[in-house]
Protein backbone atom coordinates (compact mmCIF):
# COMPACT_ATOMS: atom_id res chain seq x y z
CA MET A 1 -9.28 -97.01 16.47
CA LYS A 2 -7.61 -97.63 12.95
CA ARG A 3 -4.21 -97.14 13.58
CA ILE A 4 -4.20 -99.38 16.90
CA VAL A 5 -6.16 -102.38 14.78
CA LEU A 6 -3.28 -101.34 11.94
CA LEU A 7 -0.38 -101.47 14.77
CA LEU A 8 -1.49 -105.26 16.10
CA VAL A 9 -2.28 -106.14 12.97
CA LEU A 10 2.19 -104.97 12.19
CA PHE A 11 3.11 -106.35 15.36
CA GLY A 12 1.03 -109.71 14.21
CA ILE A 13 3.48 -109.82 11.20
CA SER A 14 6.58 -109.07 12.74
CA MET A 15 6.29 -111.54 15.38
CA CYS A 16 5.90 -114.09 13.23
CA ALA A 17 8.64 -113.51 10.69
CA LEU A 18 11.27 -113.68 13.87
CA TYR A 19 9.87 -116.81 14.69
CA ALA A 20 10.07 -118.62 11.49
CA GLN A 21 13.77 -117.69 11.37
CA ALA A 22 15.09 -118.37 15.29
CA SER A 23 12.87 -122.21 14.52
CA PRO A 24 15.46 -124.59 13.22
CA ALA A 25 14.32 -125.87 9.12
CA ALA A 26 11.65 -128.44 9.35
CA THR A 27 13.19 -130.69 7.42
CA THR A 28 16.44 -132.90 8.91
CA PRO A 29 18.52 -134.23 6.96
CA PRO A 30 19.14 -138.20 6.46
CA ALA A 31 21.54 -139.58 8.92
CA GLY A 32 24.35 -140.84 6.64
CA PHE A 33 24.23 -137.56 5.62
CA ARG A 34 24.67 -134.68 8.65
CA ASN A 35 26.94 -132.30 8.81
CA VAL A 36 28.32 -133.32 5.41
CA GLN A 37 30.20 -129.96 3.40
CA ALA A 38 30.63 -130.74 0.12
CA PHE A 39 30.28 -134.39 -1.84
CA VAL A 40 33.17 -136.21 -3.58
CA ALA A 41 32.95 -138.93 -6.09
CA GLU A 42 35.10 -141.56 -5.21
CA GLU A 43 36.07 -142.86 -8.71
CA ALA A 44 36.54 -140.74 -11.68
CA ILE A 45 34.86 -142.03 -14.80
CA VAL A 46 37.89 -143.02 -17.89
CA ILE A 47 36.92 -143.11 -21.69
CA GLU A 48 38.85 -144.97 -23.30
CA LEU A 49 38.30 -143.28 -26.97
CA LYS A 50 41.20 -145.98 -28.77
CA ALA A 51 38.01 -148.11 -28.32
CA LEU A 52 35.87 -146.59 -30.22
CA ILE A 53 37.74 -145.58 -32.85
CA PRO A 54 37.33 -147.59 -35.83
CA ALA A 55 39.56 -150.10 -37.34
CA SER A 56 41.99 -148.88 -40.18
CA ASP A 57 44.36 -151.80 -40.48
CA GLU A 58 41.02 -153.33 -42.59
CA PHE A 59 40.96 -152.25 -45.47
CA ARG A 60 37.54 -152.74 -48.26
CA GLU A 61 37.75 -152.03 -51.87
CA LYS A 62 34.99 -150.16 -53.12
CA THR A 63 33.87 -153.03 -55.07
CA ASP A 64 34.05 -155.76 -52.40
CA THR A 65 30.81 -153.71 -50.99
CA TYR A 66 28.60 -152.86 -53.93
CA GLN A 67 25.89 -155.46 -54.25
CA ARG A 68 24.92 -156.36 -58.26
CA ALA A 69 21.34 -155.60 -59.20
CA GLY A 70 19.59 -159.14 -59.76
CA LYS A 71 18.14 -159.93 -62.76
CA TYR A 72 14.71 -160.34 -61.99
CA ASN A 73 11.68 -162.27 -64.03
CA PHE A 74 8.03 -160.73 -63.75
CA SER A 75 4.84 -162.42 -65.75
CA PHE A 76 1.38 -160.59 -64.65
CA ASP A 77 -1.36 -161.84 -66.85
CA MET A 78 -4.72 -159.64 -66.73
CA GLU A 79 -6.92 -161.94 -64.34
CA SER A 80 -3.80 -161.57 -61.92
CA LEU A 81 -3.77 -157.65 -62.16
CA LYS A 82 -7.61 -157.02 -61.75
CA GLU A 83 -7.38 -159.15 -58.67
CA ASN A 84 -4.63 -156.99 -57.35
CA SER A 85 -5.84 -153.95 -57.82
CA ASP A 86 -9.17 -154.10 -57.35
CA THR A 87 -8.32 -155.65 -53.64
CA LEU A 88 -5.62 -152.09 -53.81
CA LEU A 89 -9.09 -150.09 -54.12
CA ASN A 90 -11.23 -151.80 -51.62
CA LYS A 91 -8.42 -150.88 -49.36
CA TRP A 92 -7.82 -147.97 -50.46
CA LEU A 93 -11.84 -146.48 -50.02
CA LYS A 94 -11.56 -148.56 -46.70
CA GLU A 95 -9.04 -146.38 -45.21
CA SER A 96 -10.50 -143.68 -47.48
CA LYS A 97 -13.22 -143.00 -45.18
């Protein structure tokens, strides 16, 4: 009895495998792509490296690019220092919570 059931199961599996091989693919290609063997791009992309090279005819000396340090006049009084330190301390305490 076990042999008969096993043979029927194997026969059913083999029939399913044959049916799956014989049936065409479920998805059909889009209408414009039937019988297409390969895709060839019509345009070639050209990258011109000359456009990416910086201009060598313009030369700037190092002194032209240097920015001189400015003179700053800082004046602090004790009241403004206390107010700034209080606000910074309060912000720090709120962030640390």
